[in-house]
Full PDB file with SEQRES, HELIX, SHEET, SSBOND, CRYST1, ORIGX, SCALE, CONECT and MASTER records, all heavy atoms in Angstrom:
SEQRES   1 A   37  ASP GLN ARG GLY ALA TRP LEU PHE ALA PRO LEU VAL SER          
SEQRES   2 A   37  ALA THR ILE ALA LEU GLU ASP ASP ARG ARG GLY LEU THR          
SEQRES   3 A   37  PRO VAL GLU ARG ALA ALA THR LEU LEU HIS GLY                  
HELIX    1 AA1 ALA A    9  LEU A   11  5                                   3    
HELIX    2 AA2 PRO A   27  HIS A   36  1                                  10    
CRYST1    1.000    1.000    1.000  90.00  90.00  90.00 P 1           1          
ORIGX1      1.000000  0.000000  0.000000        0.00000                         
ORIGX2      0.000000  1.000000  0.000000        0.00000                         
ORIGX3      0.000000  0.000000  1.000000        0.00000                         
SCALE1      1.000000  0.000000  0.000000        0.00000                         
SCALE2      0.000000  1.000000  0.000000        0.00000                         
SCALE3      0.000000  0.000000  1.000000        0.00000                         
ATOM      1  N   ASP A   1     123.263 107.614  49.831  1.00  0.00           N  
ATOM      2  CA  ASP A   1     123.897 108.886  49.521  1.00  0.00           C  
ATOM      3  C   ASP A   1     125.295 108.908  50.120  1.00  0.00           C  
ATOM      4  O   ASP A   1     125.533 109.442  51.184  1.00  0.00           O  
ATOM      5  CB  ASP A   1     123.030 110.033  50.071  1.00  0.00           C  
ATOM      6  CG  ASP A   1     123.535 111.395  49.628  1.00  0.00           C  
ATOM      7  OD1 ASP A   1     124.523 111.426  48.879  1.00  0.00           O  
ATOM      8  OD2 ASP A   1     122.953 112.407  50.030  1.00  0.00           O  
ATOM      9  N   GLN A   2     126.236 108.280  49.432  1.00  0.00           N  
ATOM     10  CA  GLN A   2     127.603 108.237  49.933  1.00  0.00           C  
ATOM     11  C   GLN A   2     128.348 109.543  49.680  1.00  0.00           C  
ATOM     12  O   GLN A   2     129.328 109.846  50.334  1.00  0.00           O  
ATOM     13  CB  GLN A   2     128.364 107.097  49.272  1.00  0.00           C  
ATOM     14  CG  GLN A   2     127.728 105.738  49.507  1.00  0.00           C  
ATOM     15  CD  GLN A   2     128.492 104.665  48.765  1.00  0.00           C  
ATOM     16  OE1 GLN A   2     129.622 104.385  49.067  1.00  0.00           O  
ATOM     17  NE2 GLN A   2     127.853 104.067  47.778  1.00  0.00           N  
ATOM     18  N   ARG A   3     127.886 110.300  48.703  1.00  0.00           N  
ATOM     19  CA  ARG A   3     128.607 111.500  48.314  1.00  0.00           C  
ATOM     20  C   ARG A   3     128.256 112.669  49.214  1.00  0.00           C  
ATOM     21  O   ARG A   3     129.102 113.459  49.596  1.00  0.00           O  
ATOM     22  CB  ARG A   3     128.280 111.837  46.852  1.00  0.00           C  
ATOM     23  CG  ARG A   3     128.962 113.081  46.334  1.00  0.00           C  
ATOM     24  CD  ARG A   3     128.821 113.172  44.828  1.00  0.00           C  
ATOM     25  NE  ARG A   3     129.432 112.022  44.195  1.00  0.00           N  
ATOM     26  CZ  ARG A   3     129.323 111.737  42.908  1.00  0.00           C  
ATOM     27  NH1 ARG A   3     128.588 112.494  42.127  1.00  0.00           N  
ATOM     28  NH2 ARG A   3     129.911 110.685  42.397  1.00  0.00           N  
ATOM     29  N   GLY A   4     127.003 112.832  49.561  1.00  0.00           N  
ATOM     30  CA  GLY A   4     126.584 113.966  50.372  1.00  0.00           C  
ATOM     31  C   GLY A   4     126.193 115.136  49.494  1.00  0.00           C  
ATOM     32  O   GLY A   4     126.818 115.416  48.474  1.00  0.00           O  
ATOM     33  N   ALA A   5     125.138 115.825  49.873  1.00  0.00           N  
ATOM     34  CA  ALA A   5     124.641 116.952  49.076  1.00  0.00           C  
ATOM     35  C   ALA A   5     125.345 118.221  49.533  1.00  0.00           C  
ATOM     36  O   ALA A   5     124.906 118.908  50.460  1.00  0.00           O  
ATOM     37  CB  ALA A   5     123.130 117.065  49.236  1.00  0.00           C  
ATOM     38  N   TRP A   6     126.458 118.542  48.892  1.00  0.00           N  
ATOM     39  CA  TRP A   6     127.218 119.752  49.220  1.00  0.00           C  
ATOM     40  C   TRP A   6     126.661 120.883  48.378  1.00  0.00           C  
ATOM     41  O   TRP A   6     126.589 120.792  47.152  1.00  0.00           O  
ATOM     42  CB  TRP A   6     128.695 119.525  48.950  1.00  0.00           C  
ATOM     43  CG  TRP A   6     129.585 120.577  49.525  1.00  0.00           C  
ATOM     44  CD1 TRP A   6     129.607 121.011  50.819  1.00  0.00           C  
ATOM     45  CD2 TRP A   6     130.589 121.319  48.835  1.00  0.00           C  
ATOM     46  NE1 TRP A   6     130.571 121.966  50.997  1.00  0.00           N  
ATOM     47  CE2 TRP A   6     131.186 122.179  49.781  1.00  0.00           C  
ATOM     48  CE3 TRP A   6     131.045 121.332  47.522  1.00  0.00           C  
ATOM     49  CZ2 TRP A   6     132.224 123.051  49.453  1.00  0.00           C  
ATOM     50  CZ3 TRP A   6     132.071 122.195  47.197  1.00  0.00           C  
ATOM     51  CH2 TRP A   6     132.654 123.049  48.148  1.00  0.00           C  
ATOM     52  N   LEU A   7     126.290 121.985  49.011  1.00  0.00           N  
ATOM     53  CA  LEU A   7     125.520 123.026  48.339  1.00  0.00           C  
ATOM     54  C   LEU A   7     126.356 124.074  47.613  1.00  0.00           C  
ATOM     55  O   LEU A   7     125.795 124.893  46.890  1.00  0.00           O  
ATOM     56  CB  LEU A   7     124.622 123.736  49.368  1.00  0.00           C  
ATOM     57  CG  LEU A   7     123.500 122.881  49.956  1.00  0.00           C  
ATOM     58  CD1 LEU A   7     122.845 123.599  51.123  1.00  0.00           C  
ATOM     59  CD2 LEU A   7     122.469 122.554  48.887  1.00  0.00           C  
ATOM     60  N   PHE A   8     127.685 124.069  47.805  1.00  0.00           N  
ATOM     61  CA  PHE A   8     128.501 125.089  47.136  1.00  0.00           C  
ATOM     62  C   PHE A   8     128.773 124.640  45.703  1.00  0.00           C  
ATOM     63  O   PHE A   8     129.903 124.396  45.291  1.00  0.00           O  
ATOM     64  CB  PHE A   8     129.800 125.293  47.906  1.00  0.00           C  
ATOM     65  CG  PHE A   8     130.354 126.699  47.823  1.00  0.00           C  
ATOM     66  CD1 PHE A   8     131.398 127.088  48.635  1.00  0.00           C  
ATOM     67  CD2 PHE A   8     129.832 127.636  46.952  1.00  0.00           C  
ATOM     68  CE1 PHE A   8     131.925 128.369  48.584  1.00  0.00           C  
ATOM     69  CE2 PHE A   8     130.334 128.917  46.882  1.00  0.00           C  
ATOM     70  CZ  PHE A   8     131.390 129.284  47.708  1.00  0.00           C  
ATOM     71  N   ALA A   9     127.697 124.549  44.919  1.00  0.00           N  
ATOM     72  CA  ALA A   9     127.750 123.914  43.603  1.00  0.00           C  
ATOM     73  C   ALA A   9     128.677 124.591  42.595  1.00  0.00           C  
ATOM     74  O   ALA A   9     129.275 123.907  41.765  1.00  0.00           O  
ATOM     75  CB  ALA A   9     126.339 123.803  43.017  1.00  0.00           C  
ATOM     76  N   PRO A  10     128.813 125.932  42.563  1.00  0.00           N  
ATOM     77  CA  PRO A  10     129.717 126.512  41.561  1.00  0.00           C  
ATOM     78  C   PRO A  10     131.145 125.991  41.634  1.00  0.00           C  
ATOM     79  O   PRO A  10     131.881 126.034  40.650  1.00  0.00           O  
ATOM     80  CB  PRO A  10     129.658 128.017  41.874  1.00  0.00           C  
ATOM     81  CG  PRO A  10     128.330 128.221  42.506  1.00  0.00           C  
ATOM     82  CD  PRO A  10     128.093 126.972  43.316  1.00  0.00           C  
ATOM     83  N   LEU A  11     131.550 125.475  42.799  1.00  0.00           N  
ATOM     84  CA  LEU A  11     132.921 124.998  42.952  1.00  0.00           C  
ATOM     85  C   LEU A  11     133.126 123.597  42.413  1.00  0.00           C  
ATOM     86  O   LEU A  11     134.246 123.217  42.083  1.00  0.00           O  
ATOM     87  CB  LEU A  11     133.342 125.034  44.429  1.00  0.00           C  
ATOM     88  CG  LEU A  11     134.018 126.329  44.891  1.00  0.00           C  
ATOM     89  CD1 LEU A  11     133.070 127.501  44.786  1.00  0.00           C  
ATOM     90  CD2 LEU A  11     134.532 126.176  46.311  1.00  0.00           C  
ATOM     91  N   VAL A  12     132.070 122.794  42.324  1.00  0.00           N  
ATOM     92  CA  VAL A  12     132.251 121.406  41.919  1.00  0.00           C  
ATOM     93  C   VAL A  12     131.459 121.038  40.667  1.00  0.00           C  
ATOM     94  O   VAL A  12     131.628 119.942  40.139  1.00  0.00           O  
ATOM     95  CB  VAL A  12     131.865 120.437  43.058  1.00  0.00           C  
ATOM     96  CG1 VAL A  12     132.789 120.600  44.250  1.00  0.00           C  
ATOM     97  CG2 VAL A  12     130.418 120.653  43.481  1.00  0.00           C  
ATOM     98  N   SER A  13     130.618 121.924  40.191  1.00  0.00           N  
ATOM     99  CA  SER A  13     129.866 121.630  38.974  1.00  0.00           C  
ATOM    100  C   SER A  13     130.767 121.749  37.749  1.00  0.00           C  
ATOM    101  O   SER A  13     131.804 122.417  37.789  1.00  0.00           O  
ATOM    102  CB  SER A  13     128.674 122.588  38.841  1.00  0.00           C  
ATOM    103  OG  SER A  13     127.750 122.398  39.884  1.00  0.00           O  
ATOM    104  N   ALA A  14     130.363 121.103  36.676  1.00  0.00           N  
ATOM    105  CA  ALA A  14     131.119 121.148  35.422  1.00  0.00           C  
ATOM    106  C   ALA A  14     130.267 121.808  34.348  1.00  0.00           C  
ATOM    107  O   ALA A  14     129.066 121.544  34.245  1.00  0.00           O  
ATOM    108  CB  ALA A  14     131.519 119.747  34.985  1.00  0.00           C  
ATOM    109  N   THR A  15     130.886 122.652  33.551  1.00  0.00           N  
ATOM    110  CA  THR A  15     130.190 123.320  32.450  1.00  0.00           C  
ATOM    111  C   THR A  15     130.708 122.779  31.124  1.00  0.00           C  
ATOM    112  O   THR A  15     131.921 122.681  30.919  1.00  0.00           O  
ATOM    113  CB  THR A  15     130.383 124.843  32.515  1.00  0.00           C  
ATOM    114  OG1 THR A  15     129.846 125.312  33.759  1.00  0.00           O  
ATOM    115  CG2 THR A  15     129.665 125.539  31.386  1.00  0.00           C  
ATOM    116  N   ILE A  16     129.792 122.432  30.242  1.00  0.00           N  
ATOM    117  CA  ILE A  16     130.111 121.810  28.961  1.00  0.00           C  
ATOM    118  C   ILE A  16     129.608 122.715  27.846  1.00  0.00           C  
ATOM    119  O   ILE A  16     128.432 123.110  27.850  1.00  0.00           O  
ATOM    120  CB  ILE A  16     129.434 120.431  28.845  1.00  0.00           C  
ATOM    121  CG1 ILE A  16     129.841 119.537  30.024  1.00  0.00           C  
ATOM    122  CG2 ILE A  16     129.750 119.766  27.510  1.00  0.00           C  
ATOM    123  CD1 ILE A  16     128.930 118.334  30.198  1.00  0.00           C  
ATOM    124  N   ALA A  17     130.466 123.068  26.915  1.00  0.00           N  
ATOM    125  CA  ALA A  17     130.041 123.855  25.755  1.00  0.00           C  
ATOM    126  C   ALA A  17     129.399 122.926  24.735  1.00  0.00           C  
ATOM    127  O   ALA A  17     129.958 121.877  24.393  1.00  0.00           O  
ATOM    128  CB  ALA A  17     131.230 124.583  25.134  1.00  0.00           C  
ATOM    129  N   LEU A  18     128.236 123.297  24.249  1.00  0.00           N  
ATOM    130  CA  LEU A  18     127.535 122.514  23.241  1.00  0.00           C  
ATOM    131  C   LEU A  18     127.833 123.077  21.860  1.00  0.00           C  
ATOM    132  O   LEU A  18     127.928 124.297  21.683  1.00  0.00           O  
ATOM    133  CB  LEU A  18     126.025 122.539  23.502  1.00  0.00           C  
ATOM    134  CG  LEU A  18     125.590 122.055  24.892  1.00  0.00           C  
ATOM    135  CD1 LEU A  18     124.069 122.113  25.027  1.00  0.00           C  
ATOM    136  CD2 LEU A  18     126.089 120.648  25.171  1.00  0.00           C  
ATOM    137  N   GLU A  19     127.966 122.190  20.901  1.00  0.00           N  
ATOM    138  CA  GLU A  19     128.297 122.614  19.534  1.00  0.00           C  
ATOM    139  C   GLU A  19     127.231 123.566  19.001  1.00  0.00           C  
ATOM    140  O   GLU A  19     126.033 123.398  19.256  1.00  0.00           O  
ATOM    141  CB  GLU A  19     128.390 121.392  18.626  1.00  0.00           C  
ATOM    142  CG  GLU A  19     128.887 121.712  17.223  1.00  0.00           C  
ATOM    143  CD  GLU A  19     129.016 120.464  16.371  1.00  0.00           C  
ATOM    144  OE1 GLU A  19     128.455 119.425  16.744  1.00  0.00           O  
ATOM    145  OE2 GLU A  19     129.694 120.534  15.328  1.00  0.00           O  
ATOM    146  N   ASP A  20     127.677 124.583  18.267  1.00  0.00           N  
ATOM    147  CA  ASP A  20     126.746 125.543  17.676  1.00  0.00           C  
ATOM    148  C   ASP A  20     125.784 124.842  16.732  1.00  0.00           C  
ATOM    149  O   ASP A  20     126.164 123.909  16.018  1.00  0.00           O  
ATOM    150  CB  ASP A  20     127.500 126.630  16.914  1.00  0.00           C  
ATOM    151  CG  ASP A  20     128.304 127.541  17.832  1.00  0.00           C  
ATOM    152  OD1 ASP A  20     127.968 127.609  19.033  1.00  0.00           O  
ATOM    153  OD2 ASP A  20     129.255 128.187  17.348  1.00  0.00           O  
ATOM    154  N   ASP A  21     124.550 125.296  16.733  1.00  0.00           N  
ATOM    155  CA  ASP A  21     123.564 124.797  15.781  1.00  0.00           C  
ATOM    156  C   ASP A  21     123.774 125.523  14.460  1.00  0.00           C  
ATOM    157  O   ASP A  21     123.742 126.761  14.399  1.00  0.00           O  
ATOM    158  CB  ASP A  21     122.146 125.040  16.308  1.00  0.00           C  
ATOM    159  CG  ASP A  21     121.109 124.232  15.545  1.00  0.00           C  
ATOM    160  OD1 ASP A  21     121.029 124.400  14.311  1.00  0.00           O  
ATOM    161  OD2 ASP A  21     120.378 123.444  16.185  1.00  0.00           O  
ATOM    162  N   ARG A  22     124.007 124.787  13.405  1.00  0.00           N  
ATOM    163  CA  ARG A  22     124.370 125.385  12.110  1.00  0.00           C  
ATOM    164  C   ARG A  22     123.185 125.973  11.359  1.00  0.00           C  
ATOM    165  O   ARG A  22     123.352 126.537  10.271  1.00  0.00           O  
ATOM    166  CB  ARG A  22     125.060 124.337  11.234  1.00  0.00           C  
ATOM    167  CG  ARG A  22     126.339 123.781  11.870  1.00  0.00           C  
ATOM    168  CD  ARG A  22     126.964 122.695  11.025  1.00  0.00           C  
ATOM    169  NE  ARG A  22     128.140 122.131  11.674  1.00  0.00           N  
ATOM    170  CZ  ARG A  22     128.879 121.150  11.159  1.00  0.00           C  
ATOM    171  NH1 ARG A  22     128.549 120.617   9.990  1.00  0.00           N  
ATOM    172  NH2 ARG A  22     129.926 120.696  11.824  1.00  0.00           N  
ATOM    173  N   ARG A  23     121.997 125.866  11.913  1.00  0.00           N  
ATOM    174  CA  ARG A  23     120.813 126.346  11.199  1.00  0.00           C  
ATOM    175  C   ARG A  23     120.545 127.827  11.420  1.00  0.00           C  
ATOM    176  O   ARG A  23     119.591 128.371  10.847  1.00  0.00           O  
ATOM    177  CB  ARG A  23     119.593 125.528  11.633  1.00  0.00           C  
ATOM    178  CG  ARG A  23     119.662 124.071  11.226  1.00  0.00           C  
ATOM    179  CD  ARG A  23     118.530 123.272  11.825  1.00  0.00           C  
ATOM    180  NE  ARG A  23     118.652 123.115  13.273  1.00  0.00           N  
ATOM    181  CZ  ARG A  23     117.787 122.461  14.021  1.00  0.00           C  
ATOM    182  NH1 ARG A  23     116.709 121.909  13.465  1.00  0.00           N  
ATOM    183  NH2 ARG A  23     117.979 122.346  15.325  1.00  0.00           N  
ATOM    184  N   GLY A  24     121.363 128.491  12.225  1.00  0.00           N  
ATOM    185  CA  GLY A  24     121.157 129.908  12.460  1.00  0.00           C  
ATOM    186  C   GLY A  24     119.902 130.216  13.243  1.00  0.00           C  
ATOM    187  O   GLY A  24     119.183 131.183  12.949  1.00  0.00           O  
ATOM    188  N   LEU A  25     119.617 129.410  14.269  1.00  0.00           N  
ATOM    189  CA  LEU A  25     118.420 129.600  15.063  1.00  0.00           C  
ATOM    190  C   LEU A  25     118.534 130.847  15.934  1.00  0.00           C  
ATOM    191  O   LEU A  25     119.634 131.293  16.284  1.00  0.00           O  
ATOM    192  CB  LEU A  25     118.194 128.387  15.964  1.00  0.00           C  
ATOM    193  CG  LEU A  25     118.058 127.019  15.293  1.00  0.00           C  
ATOM    194  CD1 LEU A  25     117.836 125.944  16.354  1.00  0.00           C  
ATOM    195  CD2 LEU A  25     116.924 127.008  14.280  1.00  0.00           C  
ATOM    196  N   THR A  26     117.401 131.399  16.299  1.00  0.00           N  
ATOM    197  CA  THR A  26     117.383 132.458  17.295  1.00  0.00           C  
ATOM    198  C   THR A  26     117.682 131.842  18.661  1.00  0.00           C  
ATOM    199  O   THR A  26     117.560 130.625  18.840  1.00  0.00           O  
ATOM    200  CB  THR A  26     116.019 133.155  17.337  1.00  0.00           C  
ATOM    201  OG1 THR A  26     115.045 132.225  17.850  1.00  0.00           O  
ATOM    202  CG2 THR A  26     115.597 133.635  15.950  1.00  0.00           C  
ATOM    203  N   PRO A  27     118.052 132.663  19.659  1.00  0.00           N  
ATOM    204  CA  PRO A  27     118.302 132.098  20.987  1.00  0.00           C  
ATOM    205  C   PRO A  27     117.097 131.352  21.555  1.00  0.00           C  
ATOM    206  O   PRO A  27     117.253 130.293  22.171  1.00  0.00           O  
ATOM    207  CB  PRO A  27     118.645 133.331  21.832  1.00  0.00           C  
ATOM    208  CG  PRO A  27     119.150 134.333  20.854  1.00  0.00           C  
ATOM    209  CD  PRO A  27     118.388 134.095  19.589  1.00  0.00           C  
ATOM    210  N   VAL A  28     115.905 131.878  21.342  1.00  0.00           N  
ATOM    211  CA  VAL A  28     114.711 131.219  21.860  1.00  0.00           C  
ATOM    212  C   VAL A  28     114.477 129.890  21.148  1.00  0.00           C  
ATOM    213  O   VAL A  28     114.132 128.886  21.772  1.00  0.00           O  
ATOM    214  CB  VAL A  28     113.491 132.144  21.736  1.00  0.00           C  
ATOM    215  CG1 VAL A  28     112.189 131.381  21.988  1.00  0.00           C  
ATOM    216  CG2 VAL A  28     113.607 133.302  22.717  1.00  0.00           C  
ATOM    217  N   GLU A  29     114.690 129.855  19.830  1.00  0.00           N  
ATOM    218  CA  GLU A  29     114.549 128.597  19.088  1.00  0.00           C  
ATOM    219  C   GLU A  29     115.589 127.583  19.553  1.00  0.00           C  
ATOM    220  O   GLU A  29     115.281 126.396  19.714  1.00  0.00           O  
ATOM    221  CB  GLU A  29     114.687 128.853  17.589  1.00  0.00           C  
ATOM    222  CG  GLU A  29     113.525 129.617  16.986  1.00  0.00           C  
ATOM    223  CD  GLU A  29     113.782 130.025  15.544  1.00  0.00           C  
ATOM    224  OE1 GLU A  29     114.976 130.098  15.151  1.00  0.00           O  
ATOM    225  OE2 GLU A  29     112.805 130.299  14.810  1.00  0.00           O  
ATOM    226  N   ARG A  30     116.823 128.044  19.772  1.00  0.00           N  
ATOM    227  CA  ARG A  30     117.871 127.136  20.250  1.00  0.00           C  
ATOM    228  C   ARG A  30     117.488 126.559  21.616  1.00  0.00           C  
ATOM    229  O   ARG A  30     117.651 125.352  21.873  1.00  0.00           O  
ATOM    230  CB  ARG A  30     119.207 127.885  20.363  1.00  0.00           C  
ATOM    231  CG  ARG A  30     120.384 126.996  20.845  1.00  0.00           C  
ATOM    232  CD  ARG A  30     120.940 126.195  19.709  1.00  0.00           C  
ATOM    233  NE  ARG A  30     121.834 125.131  20.131  1.00  0.00           N  
ATOM    234  CZ  ARG A  30     123.141 125.262  20.383  1.00  0.00           C  
ATOM    235  NH1 ARG A  30     123.706 126.455  20.287  1.00  0.00           N  
ATOM    236  NH2 ARG A  30     123.874 124.221  20.700  1.00  0.00           N  
ATOM    237  N   ALA A  31     116.990 127.414  22.486  1.00  0.00           N  
ATOM    238  CA  ALA A  31     116.588 126.951  23.810  1.00  0.00           C  
ATOM    239  C   ALA A  31     115.470 125.923  23.717  1.00  0.00           C  
ATOM    240  O   ALA A  31     115.484 124.903  24.419  1.00  0.00           O  
ATOM    241  CB  ALA A  31     116.146 128.149  24.656  1.00  0.00           C  
ATOM    242  N   ALA A  32     114.506 126.162  22.846  1.00  0.00           N  
ATOM    243  CA  ALA A  32     113.384 125.229  22.701  1.00  0.00           C  
ATOM    244  C   ALA A  32     113.854 123.877  22.179  1.00  0.00           C  
ATOM    245  O   ALA A  32     113.377 122.826  22.628  1.00  0.00           O  
ATOM    246  CB  ALA A  32     112.328 125.828  21.772  1.00  0.00           C  
ATOM    247  N   THR A  33     114.784 123.880  21.222  1.00  0.00           N  
ATOM    248  CA  THR A  33     115.282 122.599  20.710  1.00  0.00           C  
ATOM    249  C   THR A  33     116.073 121.849  21.767  1.00  0.00           C  
ATOM    250  O   THR A  33     116.030 120.610  21.829  1.00  0.00           O  
ATOM    251  CB  THR A  33     116.156 122.797  19.456  1.00  0.00           C  
ATOM    252  OG1 THR A  33     117.321 123.572  19.785  1.00  0.00           O  
ATOM    253  CG2 THR A  33     115.380 123.497  18.344  1.00  0.00           C  
ATOM    254  N   LEU A  34     116.784 122.565  22.642  1.00  0.00           N  
ATOM    255  CA  LEU A  34     117.522 121.895  23.710  1.00  0.00           C  
ATOM    256  C   LEU A  34     116.566 121.262  24.720  1.00  0.00           C  
ATOM    257  O   LEU A  34     116.820 120.159  25.232  1.00  0.00           O  
ATOM    258  CB  LEU A  34     118.462 122.883  24.402  1.00  0.00           C  
ATOM    259  CG  LEU A  34     119.675 123.332  23.580  1.00  0.00           C  
ATOM    260  CD1 LEU A  34     120.417 124.454  24.285  1.00  0.00           C  
ATOM    261  CD2 LEU A  34     120.616 122.161  23.303  1.00  0.00           C  
ATOM    262  N   LEU A  35     115.474 121.935  25.018  1.00  0.00           N  
ATOM    263  CA  LEU A  35     114.466 121.332  25.894  1.00  0.00           C  
ATOM    264  C   LEU A  35     113.868 120.090  25.235  1.00  0.00           C  
ATOM    265  O   LEU A  35     113.635 119.071  25.904  1.00  0.00           O  
ATOM    266  CB  LEU A  35     113.360 122.339  26.210  1.00  0.00           C  
ATOM    267  CG  LEU A  35     113.769 123.534  27.083  1.00  0.00           C  
ATOM    268  CD1 LEU A  35     112.587 124.471  27.280  1.00  0.00           C  
ATOM    269  CD2 LEU A  35     114.302 123.062  28.432  1.00  0.00           C  
ATOM    270  N   HIS A  36     113.649 120.172  23.913  1.00  0.00           N  
ATOM    271  CA  HIS A  36     113.170 118.994  23.182  1.00  0.00           C  
ATOM    272  C   HIS A  36     114.203 117.869  23.264  1.00  0.00           C  
ATOM    273  O   HIS A  36     113.853 116.698  23.457  1.00  0.00           O  
ATOM    274  CB  HIS A  36     112.899 119.364  21.726  1.00  0.00           C  
ATOM    275  CG  HIS A  36     112.610 118.181  20.851  1.00  0.00           C  
ATOM    276  ND1 HIS A  36     111.353 117.654  20.701  1.00  0.00           N  
ATOM    277  CD2 HIS A  36     113.439 117.412  20.082  1.00  0.00           C  
ATOM    278  CE1 HIS A  36     111.408 116.612  19.880  1.00  0.00           C  
ATOM    279  NE2 HIS A  36     112.667 116.450  19.491  1.00  0.00           N  
ATOM    280  N   GLY A  37     115.495 118.222  23.119  1.00  0.00           N  
ATOM    281  CA  GLY A  37     116.546 117.214  23.194  1.00  0.00           C  
ATOM    282  C   GLY A  37     116.617 116.562  24.557  1.00  0.00           C  
ATOM    283  O   GLY A  37     116.823 115.349  24.675  1.00  0.00           O  
TER     284      GLY A  37                                                      
MASTER        0    0    0    2    0    0    0    6  283    1    0    3          
END                                                                             
């Protein structure tokens, strides 16, 4: 563990926008497909 577990994660984490699903899924359906992915 050369990096060290620094707990102030909001400052160093990265957020990635995922492309919209063109099938018009509900939020729950979208979430389920992402878990499947």
